[in-house]
Every structure is written in structure tokens, then in C-alpha cells.
Amino acid sequence: MPGARGNFVYRNLANAMSVLGVLPLVVLFLDDGYRYVVPLILFNNFMDDFDGIVAAKLNIRSRFGANLDNVCDAVAHIILALAVGAHFGGLLIAASAIAAGSILLRVVTRLDTETTNGNGSPTNELMRHMLFILLLAGQFDFSHGYILIALFLIHSVSMLVPYPMPDLIIKWAKSTVMVGLVNVALVAAWLVPMVTPIVAAAFIGTYMYAFIVGWVSWQREVGVKTLP
């Protein structure tokens, strides 16, 4: 019996990480919970990045685990987006709701493994960009409401585009070490103000490049297919 119990725990380590990435977000529902939004984004990003690595390293991948990971990502990222929108209010509530709808649509399409593809930007890319805007606004004391609105709307489109965006930094991170370095860079952006603009520019710059270049390539491909 202990062996069977241990085997069950072992097989569900990655699944536990997926769930644990969501549970701390209940803090956001407290009266002063928003003050923890930055560390919660970082924690969720870490758990989201490493649950898949744990599953691969321990050879415990499963369709259930992949679906659970997608659902947990959607729940976490919708909560975080709406929390930011609700905190600032106004048009940001509507923009964050639109982004939440795109997150939901993306995860629903990815639950069918036969039709899952690598198109669009991952939902956690929105979380990272949201993190950077919040950090930079705190450092340089600028009004970031309209920037966040634009961010939500752009990602609402990029999450659902019918073409891949392979030039994102997180997609270059193929090894455990590289994924770890990505997370170290995010923490450094939080703790070391002079690093924040550099890290933010790297992530947002590669995102915009991937978005635009992907669109141009897709338009060319569509044009070739429609030629007589």
C-alpha cells in the first residue's frame, strides 16, 4: 500500500505543481491582496514553466496532465488579468475581460490534442508583459492605464492568430537551465530596478518582432495559396 501511494504521488508531481501555481492566487480576493500581484505573477510563471519540465524529466507526461496544465494556466491568467483590470477600473476592466475571453478561447482549443498547434502567443507571455508594465510604472511614475489597455487588446489578438510566433524568448528556452535563467531574469527585473527596462525591452521587443514577422509570413503564405 505505501508503495502504491508513493507511486501515485510520483506520477502526479507535475500535476500538483500545476495546481499549486493557481492556489496562492486566492490572496488576490483579500481586501489588500492586490499588493501581492507582482510576486504572484512570478510564482505562477515559475510553476507554469517547470511543471512541464518535471513531467518530461520524470517521464510522467499524460493527456490528463497536459489538459490540467492548460486549465490551470487559463484559470490563473484570467484571475491575474481581471485582478489588474478591476484594480484600476474604467476601460481597463473591459480590456482585461476581452483578454480573459481570448485566454479562455485559446485553452479550449488546446484541450483537443489532435488539433493543438503552436500558433499564437502563450497566455503567460501576457502575464510577463503585464508584470513589466507594472514594474516600470512604479519605477518611473507614469500613467500606465492606456498602456495596459493596449497590452490586453494586442495580446487578445496575438493569442488567437493562425500562425506561429517562434521568436519569443520563452520559445528559445529549450533546456531546464535556459528556462531557469528566464525566471531568474524576471525576478531580477522585480528586485533590481536598473535591470527592469533591459529585461522588459528584450521580452516585449522579441514579442513584437514575432508578431509582425509572423503576420507578414502568414500573409505571403495565404497569398500564394490563393494564386490561380
Protein backbone atom coordinates (compact mmCIF):
# COMPACT_ATOMS: atom_id res chain seq x y z
CA MET A 1 0.00 0.00 0.00
CA PRO A 2 2.74 2.57 0.84
CA GLY A 3 4.40 1.72 -2.49
CA ALA A 4 1.18 2.30 -4.40
CA ARG A 5 0.61 5.56 -2.56
CA GLY A 6 4.17 6.66 -3.34
CA ASN A 7 3.75 5.75 -6.99
CA PHE A 8 0.58 7.84 -7.15
CA VAL A 9 2.39 10.84 -5.66
CA TYR A 10 5.30 10.39 -8.06
CA ARG A 11 3.05 10.20 -11.12
CA ASN A 12 1.22 13.37 -10.09
CA LEU A 13 4.12 15.61 -9.09
CA ALA A 14 3.79 17.74 -12.23
CA ASN A 15 0.01 17.89 -11.80
CA ALA A 16 0.49 19.07 -8.22
CA MET A 17 2.77 21.84 -9.46
CA SER A 18 0.12 22.95 -11.96
CA VAL A 19 -2.48 23.20 -9.19
CA LEU A 20 -0.09 24.84 -6.73
CA GLY A 21 0.57 27.55 -9.30
CA VAL A 22 -3.09 28.59 -9.00
CA LEU A 23 -3.95 28.17 -5.30
CA PRO A 24 -1.97 31.16 -3.91
CA LEU A 25 -3.98 33.48 -6.18
CA VAL A 26 -6.82 33.38 -3.65
CA VAL A 27 -4.78 36.08 -1.90
CA LEU A 28 -5.95 38.49 -4.59
CA PHE A 29 -9.50 38.21 -3.26
CA LEU A 30 -8.47 39.69 0.11
CA ASP A 31 -9.03 43.38 0.78
CA ASP A 32 -5.35 44.26 0.34
CA GLY A 33 -4.48 41.27 -1.82
CA TYR A 34 -3.53 43.31 -4.88
CA ARG A 35 -0.29 44.37 -3.21
CA TYR A 36 0.98 40.82 -3.86
CA VAL A 37 0.18 40.76 -7.57
CA VAL A 38 3.83 41.00 -8.71
CA PRO A 39 5.20 38.09 -6.63
CA LEU A 40 2.10 36.07 -7.53
CA ILE A 41 2.76 36.59 -11.25
CA LEU A 42 6.36 35.49 -10.76
CA PHE A 43 5.38 32.45 -8.70
CA ASN A 44 2.75 31.36 -11.22
CA ASN A 45 5.21 31.82 -14.09
CA PHE A 46 7.77 29.63 -12.31
CA MET A 47 5.27 26.84 -11.63
CA ASP A 48 3.89 27.09 -15.18
CA ASP A 49 7.36 26.79 -16.72
CA PHE A 50 8.58 23.94 -14.57
CA ASP A 51 5.58 21.63 -14.32
CA GLY A 52 6.14 20.58 -17.93
CA ILE A 53 9.87 20.14 -17.34
CA VAL A 54 9.21 17.94 -14.29
CA ALA A 55 6.75 15.84 -16.32
CA ALA A 56 9.31 15.39 -19.11
CA LYS A 57 12.30 14.68 -16.83
CA LEU A 58 10.39 12.11 -14.76
CA ASN A 59 8.67 10.63 -17.82
CA ILE A 60 5.22 11.16 -16.31
CA ARG A 61 3.58 13.06 -19.18
CA SER A 62 -0.07 12.29 -19.80
CA ARG A 63 -3.01 13.74 -21.72
CA PHE A 64 -4.75 14.41 -18.41
CA GLY A 65 -1.69 16.28 -17.15
CA ALA A 66 -1.45 18.37 -20.32
CA ASN A 67 -5.14 19.29 -20.11
CA LEU A 68 -4.87 20.05 -16.39
CA ASP A 69 -1.89 22.30 -17.08
CA ASN A 70 -3.83 24.20 -19.74
CA VAL A 71 -6.87 24.62 -17.47
CA CYS A 72 -4.73 25.77 -14.52
CA ASP A 73 -2.91 28.25 -16.76
CA ALA A 74 -6.22 29.64 -18.01
CA VAL A 75 -7.68 29.97 -14.51
CA ALA A 76 -4.54 31.65 -13.14
CA HIS A 77 -4.06 34.03 -16.04
CA ILE A 78 -7.72 35.03 -16.18
CA ILE A 79 -7.66 35.77 -12.43
CA LEU A 80 -4.48 37.84 -12.74
CA ALA A 81 -5.70 39.79 -15.78
CA LEU A 82 -9.07 40.57 -14.20
CA ALA A 83 -7.42 41.48 -10.89
CA VAL A 84 -5.31 44.12 -12.62
CA GLY A 85 -8.31 45.37 -14.61
CA ALA A 86 -10.52 45.57 -11.53
CA HIS A 87 -7.82 47.34 -9.52
CA PHE A 88 -7.50 50.22 -11.98
CA GLY A 89 -11.13 50.21 -13.15
CA GLY A 90 -12.66 52.08 -16.07
CA LEU A 91 -11.81 50.86 -19.56
CA LEU A 92 -9.20 48.55 -18.12
CA ILE A 93 -11.96 46.30 -16.77
CA ALA A 94 -13.37 45.87 -20.27
CA ALA A 95 -9.90 45.36 -21.82
CA SER A 96 -8.95 42.75 -19.22
CA ALA A 97 -12.29 40.98 -19.78
CA ILE A 98 -11.56 40.80 -23.52
CA ALA A 99 -8.14 39.36 -22.76
CA ALA A 100 -9.75 36.85 -20.38
CA GLY A 101 -12.08 35.78 -23.17
CA SER A 102 -9.13 35.21 -25.51
CA ILE A 103 -7.34 33.19 -22.84
CA LEU A 104 -10.45 31.04 -22.44
CA LEU A 105 -10.80 30.51 -26.19
CA ARG A 106 -7.13 29.58 -26.50
CA VAL A 107 -7.25 27.00 -23.74
CA VAL A 108 -10.46 25.43 -25.07
CA THR A 109 -8.85 24.85 -28.46
CA ARG A 110 -5.76 23.36 -26.82
CA LEU A 111 -7.71 20.77 -24.84
CA ASP A 112 -8.12 18.77 -28.06
CA THR A 113 -4.63 17.36 -28.55
CA GLU A 114 -5.40 16.37 -32.15
CA THR A 115 -5.94 19.97 -33.18
CA THR A 116 -3.44 21.64 -30.86
CA ASN A 117 -0.78 23.63 -32.68
CA GLY A 118 1.93 26.11 -31.82
CA ASN A 119 0.12 29.12 -33.25
CA GLY A 120 -0.21 32.42 -31.42
CA SER A 121 1.44 33.69 -28.27
CA PRO A 122 1.16 31.75 -24.99
CA THR A 123 -1.04 33.25 -22.30
CA ASN A 124 1.85 33.57 -19.87
CA GLU A 125 3.52 35.99 -22.30
CA LEU A 126 0.72 38.43 -21.45
CA MET A 127 1.45 37.86 -17.76
CA ARG A 128 5.13 38.68 -18.22
CA HIS A 129 4.39 41.86 -20.17
CA MET A 130 1.82 42.90 -17.60
CA LEU A 131 4.48 42.39 -14.94
CA PHE A 132 6.92 44.65 -16.79
CA ILE A 133 4.40 47.47 -17.23
CA LEU A 134 3.52 47.40 -13.54
CA LEU A 135 7.19 47.42 -12.51
CA LEU A 136 8.19 50.19 -14.92
CA ALA A 137 5.21 52.35 -13.92
CA GLY A 138 6.25 52.01 -10.30
CA GLN A 139 9.84 52.97 -11.09
CA PHE A 140 9.24 55.88 -13.44
CA ASP A 141 5.91 57.05 -12.02
CA PHE A 142 3.97 57.28 -15.28
CA SER A 143 0.30 56.71 -16.00
CA HIS A 144 0.05 53.21 -17.42
CA GLY A 145 -3.70 52.75 -17.82
CA TYR A 146 -3.78 53.15 -21.60
CA ILE A 147 -0.61 51.10 -21.98
CA LEU A 148 -2.25 48.21 -20.12
CA ILE A 149 -5.38 48.59 -22.26
CA ALA A 150 -3.26 48.36 -25.42
CA LEU A 151 -1.39 45.40 -23.95
CA PHE A 152 -4.58 43.48 -23.20
CA LEU A 153 -6.03 44.18 -26.64
CA ILE A 154 -2.88 43.28 -28.58
CA HIS A 155 -2.48 40.02 -26.68
CA SER A 156 -6.17 39.26 -27.17
CA VAL A 157 -5.36 39.13 -30.87
CA SER A 158 -1.91 37.51 -30.73
CA MET A 159 -3.11 34.62 -28.54
CA LEU A 160 -5.53 33.59 -31.30
CA VAL A 161 -3.64 34.34 -34.52
CA PRO A 162 -3.45 31.43 -37.00
CA TYR A 163 0.33 31.49 -37.35
CA PRO A 164 3.27 30.52 -35.09
CA MET A 165 5.41 33.03 -33.18
CA PRO A 166 8.67 31.10 -32.70
CA ASP A 167 10.88 34.09 -31.90
CA LEU A 168 9.58 34.61 -28.37
CA ILE A 169 12.32 34.34 -25.72
CA ILE A 170 10.49 31.60 -23.83
CA LYS A 171 10.38 29.50 -27.03
CA TRP A 172 14.16 29.82 -27.36
CA ALA A 173 14.50 28.38 -23.84
CA LYS A 174 14.58 24.68 -24.69
CA SER A 175 16.61 23.40 -21.72
CA THR A 176 15.97 23.40 -17.99
CA VAL A 177 18.90 25.77 -17.50
CA MET A 178 17.56 28.25 -20.03
CA VAL A 179 14.07 28.17 -18.53
CA GLY A 180 15.67 28.74 -15.14
CA LEU A 181 17.60 31.73 -16.50
CA VAL A 182 14.39 33.20 -17.89
CA ASN A 183 12.82 33.03 -14.44
CA VAL A 184 15.96 34.49 -12.83
CA ALA A 185 15.73 37.40 -15.30
CA LEU A 186 12.11 38.01 -14.29
CA VAL A 187 12.99 38.01 -10.58
CA ALA A 188 15.92 40.33 -11.29
CA ALA A 189 13.56 42.69 -13.11
CA TRP A 190 11.50 42.82 -9.92
CA LEU A 191 14.32 43.18 -7.40
CA VAL A 192 16.90 45.21 -9.36
CA PRO A 193 15.29 48.36 -10.84
CA MET A 194 18.17 49.12 -13.22
CA VAL A 195 17.66 45.71 -14.86
CA THR A 196 13.91 46.08 -15.39
CA PRO A 197 13.98 48.19 -18.61
CA ILE A 198 16.53 45.85 -20.21
CA VAL A 199 14.60 42.67 -19.45
CA ALA A 200 11.31 44.29 -20.44
CA ALA A 201 12.73 45.52 -23.75
CA ALA A 202 14.08 42.05 -24.55
CA PHE A 203 10.77 40.28 -23.92
CA ILE A 204 8.45 42.88 -25.45
CA GLY A 205 10.79 43.54 -28.38
CA THR A 206 11.01 39.87 -29.38
CA TYR A 207 7.24 39.57 -28.95
CA MET A 208 6.53 42.45 -31.33
CA TYR A 209 9.08 41.09 -33.80
CA ALA A 210 7.50 37.63 -33.70
CA PHE A 211 4.00 39.10 -34.05
CA ILE A 212 4.82 41.28 -37.06
CA VAL A 213 7.15 38.89 -38.87
CA GLY A 214 4.71 36.03 -38.31
CA TRP A 215 1.87 38.10 -39.77
CA VAL A 216 3.91 39.05 -42.84
CA SER A 217 4.92 35.41 -43.44
CA TRP A 218 1.33 34.26 -42.99
CA GLN A 219 0.03 36.87 -45.43
CA ARG A 220 2.57 35.72 -48.01
CA GLU A 221 1.56 32.11 -47.48
CA VAL A 222 -2.13 32.96 -47.83
CA GLY A 223 -1.37 34.98 -50.97
CA VAL A 224 0.49 32.07 -52.56
CA LYS A 225 -2.36 29.67 -51.79
CA THR A 226 -4.95 31.98 -53.38
CA LEU A 227 -3.00 32.40 -56.62
CA PRO A 228 -4.69 30.66 -59.59
